[in-house]
Every structure is written in structure tokens, then in C-alpha cells.
Amino acid sequence: MAAAGLNNDQMASLLGMGKAVFDRRMAEMPDVKEAVAKGRSQAIYNVGVSAYQQAISGKVPAMTMFYLKCRAGWKETAVTEITGKDGEALFSSFTDMVKKISNE
């Protein structure tokens, strides 16, 4: 059940017990706790393999970007450039900008 991504509440419900009882059984039975931990690890592994396959396939660009952001430290940045008419500089210097703004 844990390998399918179920949390403790969901597993307890499927087993017909409350979460407190389920948690107590996990505390009392190390093999049960270990099985749940192994199941969760298996679920993470399975999803990770699937995500990786999508990322390298080239068919899911969003997954490729997600993978690179999470695993390679990539990030999106925005650069805003402001220019005057036809791409010319708005001001020839900082001083000119201050003078123009002061006169307005």
C-alpha cells in the first residue's frame, strides 16, 4: 500500500483500523514499520524513474526543465532592458537622466 503512495491514514482505513491503532502496530512491530518504509522508498523510486525517463525522452519538455531545476540547479531569470526609440539609449548618462526627471 505504501508503494502505491498511500499515507498512514489511508492504509489504516483500508485495513479497517484507526490511524492510532495503525501507528501503534508500526511502533510495536519493527517488521511492519520496515515494510512501510520500504514501500514508500519503492514508490519514490518508481516515480523517479518515470520522471527521469520523461525528462530524457525529449517528449516532455516541462519534465526536462523540472529535472534540471531540481537536480542541476538551473533557474529561470528575467532580464528587462528599457531602450528609447529604435533601440537607442534613453539617456546618455545617469546625470542626464536625473536632470530630465527633475525637470518633469
PDB file of N, CA and C in Angstrom:
ATOM      1  N   MET A   1       0.826  -1.197   0.000  1.00  0.00           N
ATOM      2  CA  MET A   1       0.000   0.000   0.000  1.00  0.00           C
ATOM      3  C   MET A   1       0.865   1.254   0.000  1.00  0.00           C
ATOM      4  N   ALA A   2       1.931   1.231   0.797  1.00  0.00           N
ATOM      5  CA  ALA A   2       2.828   2.387   0.830  1.00  0.00           C
ATOM      6  C   ALA A   2       3.501   2.557  -0.519  1.00  0.00           C
ATOM      7  N   ALA A   3       3.772   1.446  -1.223  1.00  0.00           N
ATOM      8  CA  ALA A   3       4.394   1.507  -2.545  1.00  0.00           C
ATOM      9  C   ALA A   3       3.464   2.148  -3.564  1.00  0.00           C
ATOM     10  N   ALA A   4       2.176   2.193  -3.255  1.00  0.00           N
ATOM     11  CA  ALA A   4       1.210   2.851  -4.132  1.00  0.00           C
ATOM     12  C   ALA A   4       1.011   4.310  -3.733  1.00  0.00           C
ATOM     13  N   GLY A   5       1.747   4.768  -2.717  1.00  0.00           N
ATOM     14  CA  GLY A   5       1.677   6.173  -2.323  1.00  0.00           C
ATOM     15  C   GLY A   5       0.687   6.489  -1.223  1.00  0.00           C
ATOM     16  N   LEU A   6       0.120   5.468  -0.606  1.00  0.00           N
ATOM     17  CA  LEU A   6      -0.853   5.728   0.459  1.00  0.00           C
ATOM     18  C   LEU A   6      -0.151   6.190   1.731  1.00  0.00           C
ATOM     19  N   ASN A   7      -0.797   7.113   2.446  1.00  0.00           N
ATOM     20  CA  ASN A   7      -0.251   7.543   3.731  1.00  0.00           C
ATOM     21  C   ASN A   7      -0.805   6.653   4.846  1.00  0.00           C
ATOM     22  N   ASN A   8      -0.372   6.893   6.062  1.00  0.00           N
ATOM     23  CA  ASN A   8      -0.787   6.046   7.187  1.00  0.00           C
ATOM     24  C   ASN A   8      -2.297   6.039   7.390  1.00  0.00           C
ATOM     25  N   ASP A   9      -2.941   7.187   7.262  1.00  0.00           N
ATOM     26  CA  ASP A   9      -4.406   7.247   7.415  1.00  0.00           C
ATOM     27  C   ASP A   9      -5.088   6.346   6.395  1.00  0.00           C
ATOM     28  N   GLN A  10      -4.640   6.428   5.157  1.00  0.00           N
ATOM     29  CA  GLN A  10      -5.258   5.651   4.088  1.00  0.00           C
ATOM     30  C   GLN A  10      -5.018   4.155   4.274  1.00  0.00           C
ATOM     31  N   MET A  11      -3.811   3.784   4.663  1.00  0.00           N
ATOM     32  CA  MET A  11      -3.531   2.366   4.902  1.00  0.00           C
ATOM     33  C   MET A  11      -4.366   1.848   6.071  1.00  0.00           C
ATOM     34  N   ALA A  12      -4.465   2.618   7.137  1.00  0.00           N
ATOM     35  CA  ALA A  12      -5.261   2.213   8.300  1.00  0.00           C
ATOM     36  C   ALA A  12      -6.713   1.999   7.898  1.00  0.00           C
ATOM     37  N   SER A  13      -7.244   2.916   7.106  1.00  0.00           N
ATOM     38  CA  SER A  13      -8.633   2.812   6.663  1.00  0.00           C
ATOM     39  C   SER A  13      -8.860   1.543   5.843  1.00  0.00           C
ATOM     40  N   LEU A  14      -7.946   1.264   4.923  1.00  0.00           N
ATOM     41  CA  LEU A  14      -8.077   0.048   4.110  1.00  0.00           C
ATOM     42  C   LEU A  14      -7.984  -1.224   4.948  1.00  0.00           C
ATOM     43  N   LEU A  15      -7.218  -1.157   6.025  1.00  0.00           N
ATOM     44  CA  LEU A  15      -7.070  -2.313   6.917  1.00  0.00           C
ATOM     45  C   LEU A  15      -8.174  -2.390   7.965  1.00  0.00           C
ATOM     46  N   GLY A  16      -9.066  -1.391   7.961  1.00  0.00           N
ATOM     47  CA  GLY A  16     -10.199  -1.405   8.882  1.00  0.00           C
ATOM     48  C   GLY A  16      -9.836  -1.026  10.302  1.00  0.00           C
ATOM     49  N   MET A  17      -8.863  -0.146  10.470  1.00  0.00           N
ATOM     50  CA  MET A  17      -8.485   0.314  11.813  1.00  0.00           C
ATOM     51  C   MET A  17      -8.247   1.811  11.789  1.00  0.00           C
ATOM     52  N   GLY A  18      -8.228   2.397  12.972  1.00  0.00           N
ATOM     53  CA  GLY A  18      -7.938   3.813  13.081  1.00  0.00           C
ATOM     54  C   GLY A  18      -6.442   4.088  12.926  1.00  0.00           C
ATOM     55  N   LYS A  19      -6.121   5.335  12.672  1.00  0.00           N
ATOM     56  CA  LYS A  19      -4.717   5.700  12.496  1.00  0.00           C
ATOM     57  C   LYS A  19      -3.913   5.451  13.767  1.00  0.00           C
ATOM     58  N   ALA A  20      -4.504   5.710  14.926  1.00  0.00           N
ATOM     59  CA  ALA A  20      -3.791   5.495  16.196  1.00  0.00           C
ATOM     60  C   ALA A  20      -3.412   4.029  16.355  1.00  0.00           C
ATOM     61  N   VAL A  21      -4.327   3.125  16.007  1.00  0.00           N
ATOM     62  CA  VAL A  21      -4.039   1.691  16.101  1.00  0.00           C
ATOM     63  C   VAL A  21      -2.947   1.321  15.104  1.00  0.00           C
ATOM     64  N   PHE A  22      -3.061   1.842  13.897  1.00  0.00           N
ATOM     65  CA  PHE A  22      -2.054   1.561  12.873  1.00  0.00           C
ATOM     66  C   PHE A  22      -0.674   2.038  13.330  1.00  0.00           C
ATOM     67  N   ASP A  23      -0.624   3.262  13.857  1.00  0.00           N
ATOM     68  CA  ASP A  23       0.651   3.808  14.341  1.00  0.00           C
ATOM     69  C   ASP A  23       1.215   2.959  15.492  1.00  0.00           C
ATOM     70  N   ARG A  24       0.329   2.506  16.369  1.00  0.00           N
ATOM     71  CA  ARG A  24       0.764   1.668  17.483  1.00  0.00           C
ATOM     72  C   ARG A  24       1.329   0.344  16.972  1.00  0.00           C
ATOM     73  N   ARG A  25       0.668  -0.247  15.980  1.00  0.00           N
ATOM     74  CA  ARG A  25       1.165  -1.502  15.396  1.00  0.00           C
ATOM     75  C   ARG A  25       2.544  -1.278  14.753  1.00  0.00           C
ATOM     76  N   MET A  26       2.708  -0.152  14.092  1.00  0.00           N
ATOM     77  CA  MET A  26       4.009   0.145  13.477  1.00  0.00           C
ATOM     78  C   MET A  26       5.090   0.270  14.551  1.00  0.00           C
ATOM     79  N   ALA A  27       4.730   0.871  15.699  1.00  0.00           N
ATOM     80  CA  ALA A  27       5.703   1.032  16.780  1.00  0.00           C
ATOM     81  C   ALA A  27       6.021  -0.309  17.447  1.00  0.00           C
ATOM     82  N   GLU A  28       5.021  -1.167  17.535  1.00  0.00           N
ATOM     83  CA  GLU A  28       5.191  -2.465  18.197  1.00  0.00           C
ATOM     84  C   GLU A  28       5.849  -3.518  17.300  1.00  0.00           C
ATOM     85  N   MET A  29       5.733  -3.349  15.998  1.00  0.00           N
ATOM     86  CA  MET A  29       6.197  -4.378  15.057  1.00  0.00           C
ATOM     87  C   MET A  29       7.204  -3.766  14.074  1.00  0.00           C
ATOM     88  N   PRO A  30       8.484  -3.874  14.404  1.00  0.00           N
ATOM     89  CA  PRO A  30       9.514  -3.271  13.546  1.00  0.00           C
ATOM     90  C   PRO A  30       9.470  -3.771  12.096  1.00  0.00           C
ATOM     91  N   ASP A  31       9.046  -5.026  11.882  1.00  0.00           N
ATOM     92  CA  ASP A  31       8.978  -5.541  10.511  1.00  0.00           C
ATOM     93  C   ASP A  31       7.899  -4.838   9.697  1.00  0.00           C
ATOM     94  N   VAL A  32       6.795  -4.444  10.362  1.00  0.00           N
ATOM     95  CA  VAL A  32       5.732  -3.697   9.677  1.00  0.00           C
ATOM     96  C   VAL A  32       6.238  -2.300   9.325  1.00  0.00           C
ATOM     97  N   LYS A  33       6.889  -1.665  10.297  1.00  0.00           N
ATOM     98  CA  LYS A  33       7.435  -0.334  10.054  1.00  0.00           C
ATOM     99  C   LYS A  33       8.446  -0.368   8.906  1.00  0.00           C
ATOM    100  N   GLU A  34       9.282  -1.385   8.889  1.00  0.00           N
ATOM    101  CA  GLU A  34      10.285  -1.529   7.837  1.00  0.00           C
ATOM    102  C   GLU A  34       9.628  -1.766   6.477  1.00  0.00           C
ATOM    103  N   ALA A  35       8.565  -2.559   6.459  1.00  0.00           N
ATOM    104  CA  ALA A  35       7.860  -2.840   5.204  1.00  0.00           C
ATOM    105  C   ALA A  35       7.227  -1.573   4.642  1.00  0.00           C
ATOM    106  N   VAL A  36       6.642  -0.762   5.519  1.00  0.00           N
ATOM    107  CA  VAL A  36       6.041   0.504   5.078  1.00  0.00           C
ATOM    108  C   VAL A  36       7.126   1.433   4.538  1.00  0.00           C
ATOM    109  N   ALA A  37       8.243   1.535   5.240  1.00  0.00           N
ATOM    110  CA  ALA A  37       9.345   2.397   4.784  1.00  0.00           C
ATOM    111  C   ALA A  37       9.872   1.915   3.434  1.00  0.00           C
ATOM    112  N   LYS A  38      10.002   0.601   3.278  1.00  0.00           N
ATOM    113  CA  LYS A  38      10.480   0.044   2.009  1.00  0.00           C
ATOM    114  C   LYS A  38       9.481   0.324   0.889  1.00  0.00           C
ATOM    115  N   GLY A  39       8.218   0.209   1.190  1.00  0.00           N
ATOM    116  CA  GLY A  39       7.169   0.503   0.198  1.00  0.00           C
ATOM    117  C   GLY A  39       7.207   1.952  -0.243  1.00  0.00           C
ATOM    118  N   ARG A  40       7.386   2.849   0.704  1.00  0.00           N
ATOM    119  CA  ARG A  40       7.468   4.276   0.359  1.00  0.00           C
ATOM    120  C   ARG A  40       8.694   4.551  -0.505  1.00  0.00           C
ATOM    121  N   SER A  41       9.804   3.932  -0.153  1.00  0.00           N
ATOM    122  CA  SER A  41      11.025   4.097  -0.950  1.00  0.00           C
ATOM    123  C   SER A  41      10.810   3.572  -2.359  1.00  0.00           C
ATOM    124  N   GLN A  42      10.126   2.456  -2.478  1.00  0.00           N
ATOM    125  CA  GLN A  42       9.850   1.879  -3.796  1.00  0.00           C
ATOM    126  C   GLN A  42       8.979   2.823  -4.624  1.00  0.00           C
ATOM    127  N   ALA A  43       7.978   3.436  -3.993  1.00  0.00           N
ATOM    128  CA  ALA A  43       7.105   4.379  -4.704  1.00  0.00           C
ATOM    129  C   ALA A  43       7.910   5.570  -5.211  1.00  0.00           C
ATOM    130  N   ILE A  44       8.773   6.108  -4.369  1.00  0.00           N
ATOM    131  CA  ILE A  44       9.602   7.252  -4.768  1.00  0.00           C
ATOM    132  C   ILE A  44      10.530   6.848  -5.911  1.00  0.00           C
ATOM    133  N   TYR A  45      11.104   5.666  -5.806  1.00  0.00           N
ATOM    134  CA  TYR A  45      11.978   5.166  -6.866  1.00  0.00           C
ATOM    135  C   TYR A  45      11.216   5.043  -8.189  1.00  0.00           C
ATOM    136  N   ASN A  46      10.034   4.440  -8.141  1.00  0.00           N
ATOM    137  CA  ASN A  46       9.244   4.239  -9.359  1.00  0.00           C
ATOM    138  C   ASN A  46       8.887   5.565 -10.027  1.00  0.00           C
ATOM    139  N   VAL A  47       8.442   6.515  -9.242  1.00  0.00           N
ATOM    140  CA  VAL A  47       8.092   7.824  -9.798  1.00  0.00           C
ATOM    141  C   VAL A  47       9.342   8.525 -10.318  1.00  0.00           C
ATOM    142  N   GLY A  48      10.434   8.385  -9.597  1.00  0.00           N
ATOM    143  CA  GLY A  48      11.689   8.990 -10.039  1.00  0.00           C
ATOM    144  C   GLY A  48      12.154   8.439 -11.375  1.00  0.00           C
ATOM    145  N   VAL A  49      12.055   7.137 -11.550  1.00  0.00           N
ATOM    146  CA  VAL A  49      12.436   6.512 -12.824  1.00  0.00           C
ATOM    147  C   VAL A  49      11.535   7.025 -13.943  1.00  0.00           C
ATOM    148  N   SER A  50      10.253   7.092 -13.670  1.00  0.00           N
ATOM    149  CA  SER A  50       9.307   7.571 -14.676  1.00  0.00           C
ATOM    150  C   SER A  50       9.598   9.027 -15.042  1.00  0.00           C
ATOM    151  N   ALA A  51       9.833   9.852 -14.038  1.00  0.00           N
ATOM    152  CA  ALA A  51      10.126  11.269 -14.294  1.00  0.00           C
ATOM    153  C   ALA A  51      11.418  11.410 -15.087  1.00  0.00           C
ATOM    154  N   TYR A  52      12.427  10.636 -14.727  1.00  0.00           N
ATOM    155  CA  TYR A  52      13.696  10.694 -15.436  1.00  0.00           C
ATOM    156  C   TYR A  52      13.529  10.266 -16.893  1.00  0.00           C
ATOM    157  N   GLN A  53      12.790   9.190 -17.116  1.00  0.00           N
ATOM    158  CA  GLN A  53      12.558   8.723 -18.487  1.00  0.00           C
ATOM    159  C   GLN A  53      11.843   9.793 -19.309  1.00  0.00           C
ATOM    160  N   GLN A  54      10.867  10.459 -18.705  1.00  0.00           N
ATOM    161  CA  GLN A  54      10.177  11.542 -19.411  1.00  0.00           C
ATOM    162  C   GLN A  54      11.131  12.701 -19.698  1.00  0.00           C
ATOM    163  N   ALA A  55      11.987  13.006 -18.727  1.00  0.00           N
ATOM    164  CA  ALA A  55      12.917  14.129 -18.883  1.00  0.00           C
ATOM    165  C   ALA A  55      13.908  13.892 -20.016  1.00  0.00           C
ATOM    166  N   ILE A  56      14.415  12.673 -20.146  1.00  0.00           N
ATOM    167  CA  ILE A  56      15.430  12.421 -21.174  1.00  0.00           C
ATOM    168  C   ILE A  56      14.835  12.048 -22.526  1.00  0.00           C
ATOM    169  N   SER A  57      13.547  11.778 -22.569  1.00  0.00           N
ATOM    170  CA  SER A  57      12.919  11.374 -23.833  1.00  0.00           C
ATOM    171  C   SER A  57      12.831  12.537 -24.818  1.00  0.00           C
ATOM    172  N   GLY A  58      12.788  13.758 -24.297  1.00  0.00           N
ATOM    173  CA  GLY A  58      12.600  14.913 -25.169  1.00  0.00           C
ATOM    174  C   GLY A  58      11.146  15.134 -25.539  1.00  0.00           C
ATOM    175  N   LYS A  59      10.274  14.257 -25.079  1.00  0.00           N
ATOM    176  CA  LYS A  59       8.852  14.363 -25.402  1.00  0.00           C
ATOM    177  C   LYS A  59       8.083  15.204 -24.389  1.00  0.00           C
ATOM    178  N   VAL A  60       8.677  15.427 -23.226  1.00  0.00           N
ATOM    179  CA  VAL A  60       8.009  16.191 -22.166  1.00  0.00           C
ATOM    180  C   VAL A  60       8.970  17.299 -21.714  1.00  0.00           C
ATOM    181  N   PRO A  61       9.028  18.408 -22.468  1.00  0.00           N
ATOM    182  CA  PRO A  61       9.976  19.475 -22.138  1.00  0.00           C
ATOM    183  C   PRO A  61       9.824  20.012 -20.712  1.00  0.00           C
ATOM    184  N   ALA A  62       8.598  20.035 -20.219  1.00  0.00           N
ATOM    185  CA  ALA A  62       8.386  20.534 -18.855  1.00  0.00           C
ATOM    186  C   ALA A  62       9.092  19.649 -17.837  1.00  0.00           C
ATOM    187  N   MET A  63       9.101  18.344 -18.061  1.00  0.00           N
ATOM    188  CA  MET A  63       9.778  17.437 -17.132  1.00  0.00           C
ATOM    189  C   MET A  63      11.292  17.603 -17.240  1.00  0.00           C
ATOM    190  N   THR A  64      11.784  17.857 -18.459  1.00  0.00           N
ATOM    191  CA  THR A  64      13.211  18.097 -18.633  1.00  0.00           C
ATOM    192  C   THR A  64      13.622  19.337 -17.840  1.00  0.00           C
ATOM    193  N   MET A  65      12.848  20.409 -17.948  1.00  0.00           N
ATOM    194  CA  MET A  65      13.156  21.643 -17.201  1.00  0.00           C
ATOM    195  C   MET A  65      13.040  21.402 -15.695  1.00  0.00           C
ATOM    196  N   PHE A  66      12.001  20.694 -15.277  1.00  0.00           N
ATOM    197  CA  PHE A  66      11.819  20.398 -13.859  1.00  0.00           C
ATOM    198  C   PHE A  66      13.023  19.629 -13.318  1.00  0.00           C
ATOM    199  N   TYR A  67      13.452  18.620 -14.057  1.00  0.00           N
ATOM    200  CA  TYR A  67      14.599  17.815 -13.635  1.00  0.00           C
ATOM    201  C   TYR A  67      15.848  18.681 -13.508  1.00  0.00           C
ATOM    202  N   LEU A  68      16.100  19.502 -14.515  1.00  0.00           N
ATOM    203  CA  LEU A  68      17.297  20.345 -14.489  1.00  0.00           C
ATOM    204  C   LEU A  68      17.240  21.379 -13.363  1.00  0.00           C
ATOM    205  N   LYS A  69      16.056  21.904 -13.082  1.00  0.00           N
ATOM    206  CA  LYS A  69      15.926  22.860 -11.971  1.00  0.00           C
ATOM    207  C   LYS A  69      16.183  22.171 -10.632  1.00  0.00           C
ATOM    208  N   CYS A  70      15.636  20.976 -10.469  1.00  0.00           N
ATOM    209  CA  CYS A  70      15.771  20.273  -9.187  1.00  0.00           C
ATOM    210  C   CYS A  70      17.143  19.639  -9.000  1.00  0.00           C
ATOM    211  N   ARG A  71      17.691  19.047 -10.046  1.00  0.00           N
ATOM    212  CA  ARG A  71      18.909  18.262  -9.912  1.00  0.00           C
ATOM    213  C   ARG A  71      20.172  18.985 -10.359  1.00  0.00           C
ATOM    214  N   ALA A  72      20.037  19.971 -11.256  1.00  0.00           N
ATOM    215  CA  ALA A  72      21.226  20.629 -11.796  1.00  0.00           C
ATOM    216  C   ALA A  72      21.340  22.090 -11.374  1.00  0.00           C
ATOM    217  N   GLY A  73      20.371  22.559 -10.577  1.00  0.00           N
ATOM    218  CA  GLY A  73      20.447  23.932 -10.076  1.00  0.00           C
ATOM    219  C   GLY A  73      20.071  25.001 -11.091  1.00  0.00           C
ATOM    220  N   TRP A  74      19.453  24.598 -12.195  1.00  0.00           N
ATOM    221  CA  TRP A  74      19.042  25.590 -13.181  1.00  0.00           C
ATOM    222  C   TRP A  74      17.923  26.435 -12.601  1.00  0.00           C
ATOM    223  N   LYS A  75      17.825  27.680 -13.090  1.00  0.00           N
ATOM    224  CA  LYS A  75      16.733  28.548 -12.668  1.00  0.00           C
ATOM    225  C   LYS A  75      16.378  29.478 -13.805  1.00  0.00           C
ATOM    226  N   GLU A  76      15.181  29.975 -13.739  1.00  0.00           N
ATOM    227  CA  GLU A  76      14.729  30.926 -14.748  1.00  0.00           C
ATOM    228  C   GLU A  76      15.010  32.326 -14.232  1.00  0.00           C
ATOM    229  N   THR A  77      15.542  33.145 -15.122  1.00  0.00           N
ATOM    230  CA  THR A  77      15.792  34.541 -14.761  1.00  0.00           C
ATOM    231  C   THR A  77      15.167  35.429 -15.825  1.00  0.00           C
ATOM    232  N   ALA A  78      14.786  36.602 -15.417  1.00  0.00           N
ATOM    233  CA  ALA A  78      14.214  37.565 -16.348  1.00  0.00           C
ATOM    234  C   ALA A  78      15.116  38.797 -16.381  1.00  0.00           C
ATOM    235  N   VAL A  79      15.430  39.225 -17.578  1.00  0.00           N
ATOM    236  CA  VAL A  79      16.231  40.433 -17.756  1.00  0.00           C
ATOM    237  C   VAL A  79      15.362  41.415 -18.523  1.00  0.00           C
ATOM    238  N   THR A  80      15.201  42.596 -17.965  1.00  0.00           N
ATOM    239  CA  THR A  80      14.399  43.624 -18.609  1.00  0.00           C
ATOM    240  C   THR A  80      15.310  44.764 -19.032  1.00  0.00           C
ATOM    241  N   GLU A  81      15.278  45.050 -20.308  1.00  0.00           N
ATOM    242  CA  GLU A  81      16.051  46.160 -20.830  1.00  0.00           C
ATOM    243  C   GLU A  81      15.088  47.207 -21.345  1.00  0.00           C
ATOM    244  N   ILE A  82      15.344  48.447 -20.995  1.00  0.00           N
ATOM    245  CA  ILE A  82      14.493  49.547 -21.438  1.00  0.00           C
ATOM    246  C   ILE A  82      15.326  50.433 -22.355  1.00  0.00           C
ATOM    247  N   THR A  83      14.793  50.633 -23.554  1.00  0.00           N
ATOM    248  CA  THR A  83      15.512  51.475 -24.517  1.00  0.00           C
ATOM    249  C   THR A  83      14.577  52.547 -25.044  1.00  0.00           C
ATOM    250  N   GLY A  84      15.170  53.508 -25.692  1.00  0.00           N
ATOM    251  CA  GLY A  84      14.399  54.581 -26.317  1.00  0.00           C
ATOM    252  C   GLY A  84      13.944  54.165 -27.702  1.00  0.00           C
ATOM    253  N   LYS A  85      13.571  55.146 -28.490  1.00  0.00           N
ATOM    254  CA  LYS A  85      13.075  54.921 -29.837  1.00  0.00           C
ATOM    255  C   LYS A  85      14.125  54.178 -30.666  1.00  0.00           C
ATOM    256  N   ASP A  86      13.698  53.179 -31.399  1.00  0.00           N
ATOM    257  CA  ASP A  86      14.552  52.380 -32.281  1.00  0.00           C
ATOM    258  C   ASP A  86      15.742  51.758 -31.560  1.00  0.00           C
ATOM    259  N   GLY A  87      15.592  51.460 -30.275  1.00  0.00           N
ATOM    260  CA  GLY A  87      16.642  50.786 -29.536  1.00  0.00           C
ATOM    261  C   GLY A  87      17.747  51.692 -29.028  1.00  0.00           C
ATOM    262  N   GLU A  88      17.597  52.993 -29.224  1.00  0.00           N
ATOM    263  CA  GLU A  88      18.621  53.926 -28.755  1.00  0.00           C
ATOM    264  C   GLU A  88      18.528  54.070 -27.233  1.00  0.00           C
ATOM    265  N   ALA A  89      19.606  54.584 -26.638  1.00  0.00           N
ATOM    266  CA  ALA A  89      19.628  54.804 -25.190  1.00  0.00           C
ATOM    267  C   ALA A  89      18.619  55.878 -24.810  1.00  0.00           C
ATOM    268  N   LEU A  90      17.963  55.684 -23.681  1.00  0.00           N
ATOM    269  CA  LEU A  90      17.026  56.708 -23.203  1.00  0.00           C
ATOM    270  C   LEU A  90      17.770  57.960 -22.759  1.00  0.00           C
ATOM    271  N   PHE A  91      18.892  57.779 -22.120  1.00  0.00           N
ATOM    272  CA  PHE A  91      19.708  58.881 -21.616  1.00  0.00           C
ATOM    273  C   PHE A  91      21.161  58.577 -21.935  1.00  0.00           C
ATOM    274  N   SER A  92      21.930  59.621 -22.176  1.00  0.00           N
ATOM    275  CA  SER A  92      23.344  59.384 -22.487  1.00  0.00           C
ATOM    276  C   SER A  92      24.163  59.140 -21.228  1.00  0.00           C
ATOM    277  N   SER A  93      23.622  59.555 -20.070  1.00  0.00           N
ATOM    278  CA  SER A  93      24.331  59.322 -18.818  1.00  0.00           C
ATOM    279  C   SER A  93      23.350  59.359 -17.659  1.00  0.00           C
ATOM    280  N   PHE A  94      23.803  58.947 -16.538  1.00  0.00           N
ATOM    281  CA  PHE A  94      22.978  58.988 -15.331  1.00  0.00           C
ATOM    282  C   PHE A  94      22.611  60.433 -14.991  1.00  0.00           C
ATOM    283  N   THR A  95      23.566  61.330 -15.189  1.00  0.00           N
ATOM    284  CA  THR A  95      23.330  62.755 -14.899  1.00  0.00           C
ATOM    285  C   THR A  95      22.208  63.286 -15.782  1.00  0.00           C
ATOM    286  N   ASP A  96      22.226  62.951 -17.057  1.00  0.00           N
ATOM    287  CA  ASP A  96      21.150  63.391 -17.969  1.00  0.00           C
ATOM    288  C   ASP A  96      19.801  62.854 -17.504  1.00  0.00           C
ATOM    289  N   MET A  97      19.771  61.638 -17.042  1.00  0.00           N
ATOM    290  CA  MET A  97      18.521  61.042 -16.565  1.00  0.00           C
ATOM    291  C   MET A  97      17.996  61.814 -15.362  1.00  0.00           C
ATOM    292  N   VAL A  98      18.871  62.139 -14.417  1.00  0.00           N
ATOM    293  CA  VAL A  98      18.467  62.864 -13.210  1.00  0.00           C
ATOM    294  C   VAL A  98      17.941  64.238 -13.603  1.00  0.00           C
ATOM    295  N   LYS A  99      18.611  64.908 -14.514  1.00  0.00           N
ATOM    296  CA  LYS A  99      18.163  66.242 -14.958  1.00  0.00           C
ATOM    297  C   LYS A  99      16.788  66.163 -15.609  1.00  0.00           C
ATOM    298  N   LYS A 100      16.604  65.189 -16.489  1.00  0.00           N
ATOM    299  CA  LYS A 100      15.313  65.042 -17.180  1.00  0.00           C
ATOM    300  C   LYS A 100      14.200  64.766 -16.185  1.00  0.00           C
ATOM    301  N   ILE A 101      14.450  63.870 -15.236  1.00  0.00           N
ATOM    302  CA  ILE A 101      13.413  63.531 -14.249  1.00  0.00           C
ATOM    303  C   ILE A 101      13.136  64.740 -13.354  1.00  0.00           C
ATOM    304  N   SER A 102      14.139  65.486 -12.996  1.00  0.00           N
ATOM    305  CA  SER A 102      13.986  66.662 -12.111  1.00  0.00           C
ATOM    306  C   SER A 102      13.171  67.754 -12.781  1.00  0.00           C
ATOM    307  N   ASN A 103      13.247  67.877 -14.105  1.00  0.00           N
ATOM    308  CA  ASN A 103      12.545  68.930 -14.837  1.00  0.00           C
ATOM    309  C   ASN A 103      11.097  68.569 -15.091  1.00  0.00           C
ATOM    310  N   GLU A 104      10.725  67.337 -14.899  1.00  0.00           N
ATOM    311  CA  GLU A 104       9.338  66.921 -15.186  1.00  0.00           C
ATOM    312  C   GLU A 104       8.391  67.276 -14.088  1.00  0.00           C
TER     313      GLU A 104
END
